[in-house]
C-alpha atoms as a PDB file:
ATOM      1  CA  MET A   1       5.400  34.422 -24.875  1.00  0.00           C
ATOM      2  CA  LYS A   2       6.330  30.846 -23.965  1.00  0.00           C
ATOM      3  CA  LYS A   3       4.228  28.889 -21.497  1.00  0.00           C
ATOM      4  CA  GLN A   4       6.029  28.771 -18.142  1.00  0.00           C
ATOM      5  CA  ILE A   5       6.477  25.294 -16.653  1.00  0.00           C
ATOM      6  CA  GLY A   6       7.780  24.727 -13.130  1.00  0.00           C
ATOM      7  CA  ILE A   7       9.708  21.459 -12.794  1.00  0.00           C
ATOM      8  CA  TYR A   8       9.316  19.887  -9.362  1.00  0.00           C
ATOM      9  CA  SER A   9      11.479  16.760  -9.202  1.00  0.00           C
ATOM     10  CA  GLY A  10      11.511  14.336  -6.340  1.00  0.00           C
ATOM     11  CA  SER A  11      11.213  10.818  -5.077  1.00  0.00           C
ATOM     12  CA  PHE A  12       7.591  11.496  -4.014  1.00  0.00           C
ATOM     13  CA  ASN A  13       7.845   8.523  -1.696  1.00  0.00           C
ATOM     14  CA  PRO A  14       4.932   9.144  -1.133  1.00  0.00           C
ATOM     15  CA  ILE A  15       3.518  12.356  -2.657  1.00  0.00           C
ATOM     16  CA  HIS A  16       1.885  14.361   0.151  1.00  0.00           C
ATOM     17  CA  LEU A  17      -0.294  17.439   0.563  1.00  0.00           C
ATOM     18  CA  GLY A  18       2.763  19.597   1.287  1.00  0.00           C
ATOM     19  CA  HIS A  19       3.945  18.918  -2.275  1.00  0.00           C
ATOM     20  CA  THR A  20       0.601  19.775  -3.886  1.00  0.00           C
ATOM     21  CA  GLN A  21      -0.086  22.778  -1.630  1.00  0.00           C
ATOM     22  CA  LEU A  22       3.305  24.225  -2.529  1.00  0.00           C
ATOM     23  CA  ALA A  23       2.568  23.783  -6.258  1.00  0.00           C
ATOM     24  CA  LYS A  24      -0.884  25.321  -5.780  1.00  0.00           C
ATOM     25  CA  HIS A  25       0.648  28.334  -4.036  1.00  0.00           C
ATOM     26  CA  ILE A  26       3.182  28.857  -6.863  1.00  0.00           C
ATOM     27  CA  LEU A  27       0.389  28.582  -9.446  1.00  0.00           C
ATOM     28  CA  GLU A  28      -1.847  31.013  -7.554  1.00  0.00           C
ATOM     29  CA  GLN A  29       0.997  33.545  -7.538  1.00  0.00           C
ATOM     30  CA  LYS A  30       1.158  33.122 -11.341  1.00  0.00           C
ATOM     31  CA  ILE A  31       4.905  32.454 -11.214  1.00  0.00           C
ATOM     32  CA  VAL A  32       4.372  29.544 -13.644  1.00  0.00           C
ATOM     33  CA  ASP A  33       1.436  28.326 -15.745  1.00  0.00           C
ATOM     34  CA  GLU A  34       1.829  24.639 -14.845  1.00  0.00           C
ATOM     35  CA  VAL A  35       3.833  22.528 -12.394  1.00  0.00           C
ATOM     36  CA  TRP A  36       5.197  19.230 -13.675  1.00  0.00           C
ATOM     37  CA  PHE A  37       6.057  16.682 -11.000  1.00  0.00           C
ATOM     38  CA  ILE A  38       8.990  14.556 -12.192  1.00  0.00           C
ATOM     39  CA  VAL A  39       9.318  11.193 -10.450  1.00  0.00           C
ATOM     40  CA  SER A  40      13.021  10.445  -9.929  1.00  0.00           C
ATOM     41  CA  PRO A  41      13.655   6.698 -10.172  1.00  0.00           C
ATOM     42  CA  CYS A  42      16.831   7.246  -8.134  1.00  0.00           C
ATOM     43  CA  ASN A  43      17.933  10.532  -6.600  1.00  0.00           C
ATOM     44  CA  PRO A  44      21.770  10.675  -6.666  1.00  0.00           C
ATOM     45  CA  LEU A  45      21.776  12.274  -3.191  1.00  0.00           C
ATOM     46  CA  LYS A  46      19.372   9.803  -1.519  1.00  0.00           C
ATOM     47  CA  GLU A  47      19.368   6.205  -0.317  1.00  0.00           C
ATOM     48  CA  ARG A  48      17.603   3.838  -2.697  1.00  0.00           C
ATOM     49  CA  ARG A  49      16.590   1.089  -0.274  1.00  0.00           C
ATOM     50  CA  GLU A  50      13.515   2.909   1.125  1.00  0.00           C
ATOM     51  CA  LEU A  51      12.123   3.792  -2.302  1.00  0.00           C
ATOM     52  CA  LEU A  52       8.958   2.170  -3.593  1.00  0.00           C
ATOM     53  CA  ASP A  53       9.082   1.143  -7.248  1.00  0.00           C
ATOM     54  CA  GLU A  54       8.978   4.242  -9.471  1.00  0.00           C
ATOM     55  CA  TYR A  55       5.816   3.081 -11.286  1.00  0.00           C
ATOM     56  CA  ILE A  56       3.969   2.830  -7.955  1.00  0.00           C
ATOM     57  CA  ARG A  57       5.191   6.309  -6.973  1.00  0.00           C
ATOM     58  CA  LEU A  58       4.029   7.592 -10.381  1.00  0.00           C
ATOM     59  CA  GLU A  59       0.607   5.985  -9.831  1.00  0.00           C
ATOM     60  CA  MET A  60       0.318   7.741  -6.457  1.00  0.00           C
ATOM     61  CA  LEU A  61       1.296  11.012  -8.129  1.00  0.00           C
ATOM     62  CA  VAL A  62      -1.344  10.618 -10.851  1.00  0.00           C
ATOM     63  CA  LEU A  63      -3.988   9.945  -8.167  1.00  0.00           C
ATOM     64  CA  ALA A  64      -2.906  12.940  -6.058  1.00  0.00           C
ATOM     65  CA  LEU A  65      -2.966  15.317  -9.052  1.00  0.00           C
ATOM     66  CA  GLN A  66      -6.197  14.150 -10.698  1.00  0.00           C
ATOM     67  CA  ASN A  67      -8.161  17.189  -9.440  1.00  0.00           C
ATOM     68  CA  HIS A  68      -5.416  19.707 -10.257  1.00  0.00           C
ATOM     69  CA  PRO A  69      -5.476  20.430 -14.019  1.00  0.00           C
ATOM     70  CA  GLN A  70      -2.407  22.713 -13.868  1.00  0.00           C
ATOM     71  CA  MET A  71      -0.310  19.967 -12.242  1.00  0.00           C
ATOM     72  CA  LYS A  72       1.063  17.083 -14.315  1.00  0.00           C
ATOM     73  CA  ALA A  73       2.849  13.843 -13.426  1.00  0.00           C
ATOM     74  CA  SER A  74       5.854  12.985 -15.573  1.00  0.00           C
ATOM     75  CA  ASP A  75       7.861   9.806 -16.042  1.00  0.00           C
ATOM     76  CA  VAL A  76      10.458  11.488 -18.307  1.00  0.00           C
ATOM     77  CA  GLU A  77      13.328  10.188 -16.159  1.00  0.00           C
ATOM     78  CA  PHE A  78      12.197   6.535 -16.430  1.00  0.00           C
ATOM     79  CA  SER A  79      13.839   6.252 -19.839  1.00  0.00           C
ATOM     80  CA  MET A  80      16.971   8.177 -18.858  1.00  0.00           C
ATOM     81  CA  PRO A  81      20.224   6.803 -17.400  1.00  0.00           C
ATOM     82  CA  ILE A  82      20.249   6.257 -13.611  1.00  0.00           C
ATOM     83  CA  PRO A  83      20.989   8.177 -11.487  1.00  0.00           C
ATOM     84  CA  SER A  84      18.935  11.071 -12.835  1.00  0.00           C
ATOM     85  CA  TYR A  85      20.569  14.476 -12.850  1.00  0.00           C
ATOM     86  CA  SER A  86      18.447  17.631 -13.077  1.00  0.00           C
ATOM     87  CA  ILE A  87      20.555  19.173 -15.842  1.00  0.00           C
ATOM     88  CA  ASP A  88      19.974  16.128 -18.071  1.00  0.00           C
ATOM     89  CA  THR A  89      16.234  16.118 -17.347  1.00  0.00           C
ATOM     90  CA  LEU A  90      15.913  19.832 -18.057  1.00  0.00           C
ATOM     91  CA  ASN A  91      17.836  19.492 -21.325  1.00  0.00           C
ATOM     92  CA  VAL A  92      15.643  16.556 -22.436  1.00  0.00           C
ATOM     93  CA  LEU A  93      12.484  18.527 -21.625  1.00  0.00           C
ATOM     94  CA  ARG A  94      13.757  21.612 -23.441  1.00  0.00           C
ATOM     95  CA  LEU A  95      14.408  19.483 -26.567  1.00  0.00           C
ATOM     96  CA  GLN A  96      11.026  17.716 -26.344  1.00  0.00           C
ATOM     97  CA  TYR A  97       9.039  20.908 -25.679  1.00  0.00           C
ATOM     98  CA  PRO A  98      10.821  23.857 -27.317  1.00  0.00           C
ATOM     99  CA  GLU A  99       7.603  25.889 -27.026  1.00  0.00           C
ATOM    100  CA  TYR A 100       7.880  25.963 -23.200  1.00  0.00           C
ATOM    101  CA  GLN A 101      10.153  27.792 -20.771  1.00  0.00           C
ATOM    102  CA  PHE A 102      11.194  25.541 -17.877  1.00  0.00           C
ATOM    103  CA  SER A 103      12.020  26.655 -14.342  1.00  0.00           C
ATOM    104  CA  LEU A 104      13.391  24.421 -11.613  1.00  0.00           C
ATOM    105  CA  ILE A 105      11.610  24.372  -8.236  1.00  0.00           C
ATOM    106  CA  ILE A 106      13.856  23.383  -5.318  1.00  0.00           C
ATOM    107  CA  GLY A 107      13.747  23.640  -1.534  1.00  0.00           C
ATOM    108  CA  SER A 108      16.118  25.873   0.388  1.00  0.00           C
ATOM    109  CA  ASP A 109      17.737  22.672   1.709  1.00  0.00           C
ATOM    110  CA  ASN A 110      18.847  21.908  -1.853  1.00  0.00           C
ATOM    111  CA  ALA A 111      19.857  25.517  -2.517  1.00  0.00           C
ATOM    112  CA  LEU A 112      22.394  25.207   0.330  1.00  0.00           C
ATOM    113  CA  ILE A 113      24.108  22.283  -1.438  1.00  0.00           C
ATOM    114  CA  PHE A 114      23.462  23.403  -5.003  1.00  0.00           C
ATOM    115  CA  ASP A 115      27.176  23.488  -5.788  1.00  0.00           C
ATOM    116  CA  GLN A 116      27.153  19.666  -5.332  1.00  0.00           C
ATOM    117  CA  TRP A 117      24.689  19.254  -8.209  1.00  0.00           C
ATOM    118  CA  LYS A 118      26.002  18.028 -11.559  1.00  0.00           C
ATOM    119  CA  ASP A 119      26.665  20.968 -13.939  1.00  0.00           C
ATOM    120  CA  TYR A 120      25.013  23.395 -11.515  1.00  0.00           C
ATOM    121  CA  ILE A 121      26.475  26.426 -13.300  1.00  0.00           C
ATOM    122  CA  GLN A 122      24.889  25.278 -16.551  1.00  0.00           C
ATOM    123  CA  ILE A 123      21.544  24.993 -14.744  1.00  0.00           C
ATOM    124  CA  LEU A 124      21.932  28.509 -13.335  1.00  0.00           C
ATOM    125  CA  GLU A 125      22.813  29.930 -16.747  1.00  0.00           C
ATOM    126  CA  ASN A 126      19.938  28.271 -18.632  1.00  0.00           C
ATOM    127  CA  PHE A 127      16.985  27.816 -16.287  1.00  0.00           C
ATOM    128  CA  PRO A 128      15.286  30.068 -13.733  1.00  0.00           C
ATOM    129  CA  ILE A 129      15.454  28.536 -10.245  1.00  0.00           C
ATOM    130  CA  LEU A 130      12.594  29.010  -7.799  1.00  0.00           C
ATOM    131  CA  VAL A 131      13.470  28.301  -4.160  1.00  0.00           C
ATOM    132  CA  TYR A 132      10.811  27.543  -1.566  1.00  0.00           C
ATOM    133  CA  PRO A 133      11.701  27.965   2.119  1.00  0.00           C
ATOM    134  CA  ARG A 134      12.247  24.892   4.284  1.00  0.00           C
ATOM    135  CA  MET A 135      12.434  25.101   8.050  1.00  0.00           C
ATOM    136  CA  GLY A 136      16.023  25.084   9.323  1.00  0.00           C
ATOM    137  CA  PHE A 137      17.587  25.840   5.912  1.00  0.00           C
ATOM    138  CA  ASP A 138      18.149  29.580   5.577  1.00  0.00           C
ATOM    139  CA  PHE A 139      18.500  30.525   1.902  1.00  0.00           C
ATOM    140  CA  GLN A 140      19.954  33.903   2.863  1.00  0.00           C
ATOM    141  CA  THR A 141      23.234  32.179   3.804  1.00  0.00           C
ATOM    142  CA  VAL A 142      23.824  31.363   0.100  1.00  0.00           C
ATOM    143  CA  ALA A 143      21.699  34.037  -1.623  1.00  0.00           C
ATOM    144  CA  HIS A 144      24.805  36.078  -2.499  1.00  0.00           C
ATOM    145  CA  GLN A 145      26.246  33.038  -4.356  1.00  0.00           C
ATOM    146  CA  TYR A 146      23.125  32.597  -6.458  1.00  0.00           C
ATOM    147  CA  PRO A 147      21.669  35.998  -7.399  1.00  0.00           C
ATOM    148  CA  ALA A 148      19.720  34.322 -10.222  1.00  0.00           C
ATOM    149  CA  MET A 149      17.724  32.161  -7.783  1.00  0.00           C
ATOM    150  CA  GLN A 150      14.332  33.538  -6.793  1.00  0.00           C
ATOM    151  CA  LEU A 151      13.251  32.943  -3.196  1.00  0.00           C
ATOM    152  CA  LEU A 152       9.520  32.295  -3.106  1.00  0.00           C
ATOM    153  CA  THR A 153       7.250  33.631  -0.408  1.00  0.00           C
ATOM    154  CA  THR A 154       5.433  30.395   0.311  1.00  0.00           C
ATOM    155  CA  PRO A 155       4.298  29.025   3.659  1.00  0.00           C
ATOM    156  CA  TYR A 156       6.426  26.413   5.399  1.00  0.00           C
ATOM    157  CA  TYR A 157       5.076  22.936   4.743  1.00  0.00           C
ATOM    158  CA  ASN A 158       6.357  21.148   7.798  1.00  0.00           C
ATOM    159  CA  VAL A 159       5.845  17.580   6.636  1.00  0.00           C
ATOM    160  CA  SER A 160       8.115  15.115   4.873  1.00  0.00           C
ATOM    161  CA  SER A 161       7.691  11.784   3.123  1.00  0.00           C
ATOM    162  CA  THR A 162      10.049  10.288   5.735  1.00  0.00           C
ATOM    163  CA  GLN A 163       7.667  11.365   8.542  1.00  0.00           C
ATOM    164  CA  ILE A 164       4.690   9.984   6.627  1.00  0.00           C
ATOM    165  CA  ARG A 165       6.357   6.576   6.156  1.00  0.00           C
ATOM    166  CA  GLN A 166       6.935   6.550   9.936  1.00  0.00           C
ATOM    167  CA  LEU A 167       3.250   7.382  10.577  1.00  0.00           C
ATOM    168  CA  ILE A 168       2.200   4.530   8.271  1.00  0.00           C
ATOM    169  CA  GLN A 169       4.368   2.074  10.219  1.00  0.00           C
ATOM    170  CA  GLU A 170       2.834   3.344  13.468  1.00  0.00           C
ATOM    171  CA  GLY A 171      -0.716   2.951  12.097  1.00  0.00           C
ATOM    172  CA  LYS A 172      -1.504   6.671  12.534  1.00  0.00           C
ATOM    173  CA  ASP A 173      -4.157   8.733  10.721  1.00  0.00           C
ATOM    174  CA  LEU A 174      -2.830   9.860   7.328  1.00  0.00           C
ATOM    175  CA  SER A 175      -5.757  12.086   6.293  1.00  0.00           C
ATOM    176  CA  PRO A 176      -4.048  15.390   7.281  1.00  0.00           C
ATOM    177  CA  TYR A 177      -1.091  14.565   5.021  1.00  0.00           C
ATOM    178  CA  LEU A 178      -2.183  12.523   1.990  1.00  0.00           C
ATOM    179  CA  ASP A 179      -4.841  12.632  -0.704  1.00  0.00           C
ATOM    180  CA  PRO A 180      -7.599  10.084   0.109  1.00  0.00           C
ATOM    181  CA  SER A 181      -6.948   8.137  -3.110  1.00  0.00           C
ATOM    182  CA  VAL A 182      -3.254   7.832  -2.204  1.00  0.00           C
ATOM    183  CA  ILE A 183      -4.157   6.607   1.303  1.00  0.00           C
ATOM    184  CA  GLN A 184      -6.442   3.985  -0.248  1.00  0.00           C
ATOM    185  CA  LEU A 185      -3.705   2.734  -2.594  1.00  0.00           C
ATOM    186  CA  ILE A 186      -1.160   2.549   0.248  1.00  0.00           C
ATOM    187  CA  GLU A 187      -3.551   0.722   2.584  1.00  0.00           C
ATOM    188  CA  GLU A 188      -4.812  -1.737  -0.052  1.00  0.00           C
ATOM    189  CA  ASN A 189      -1.238  -2.738  -0.914  1.00  0.00           C
ATOM    190  CA  ASP A 190       0.392  -2.492   2.533  1.00  0.00           C
ATOM    191  CA  PHE A 191       3.020  -0.106   1.174  1.00  0.00           C
ATOM    192  CA  TYR A 192       5.728   1.112   3.592  1.00  0.00           C
ATOM    193  CA  GLN A 193       4.953  -1.600   6.164  1.00  0.00           C
END
């Protein structure tokens, strides 16, 4: 049987404990064997101006995942055309690693707008989609449209990178939200100030 890889794409601006705790929960449930975090240089549905350079975000990711052997940081999209579309990334990964089965991990917020994604039907037909619940975005409202999507029973991780950037600007304690090595990198370089 093929090794199961969960693909968790995002800006990770910055990577926070909600991201890694979600991946840990999915791994503990044995839904996938590994979770690969894909740094998106430019998300087609997000503003670019607040993004740190993708190599800095990758460095933060590597630091945050260093004690999690089943979690990997990937820069696969760095050599792909911008903006990055999930279908293209998944197809590249499937070509590069034919021995693996890839699943896409998305939040219920993205499930609600999944029909806005490029080639979303092709994604649905070729890759399992794992949906984690996000507060205020009820997957059940679109579940009938996407019977192939699997809603995960994971806790709500009520933290966002946007909130964390705000906390940094306010000089607040980041230890409940970020890996200590990520905090050190941010503070040493005055990121998000």
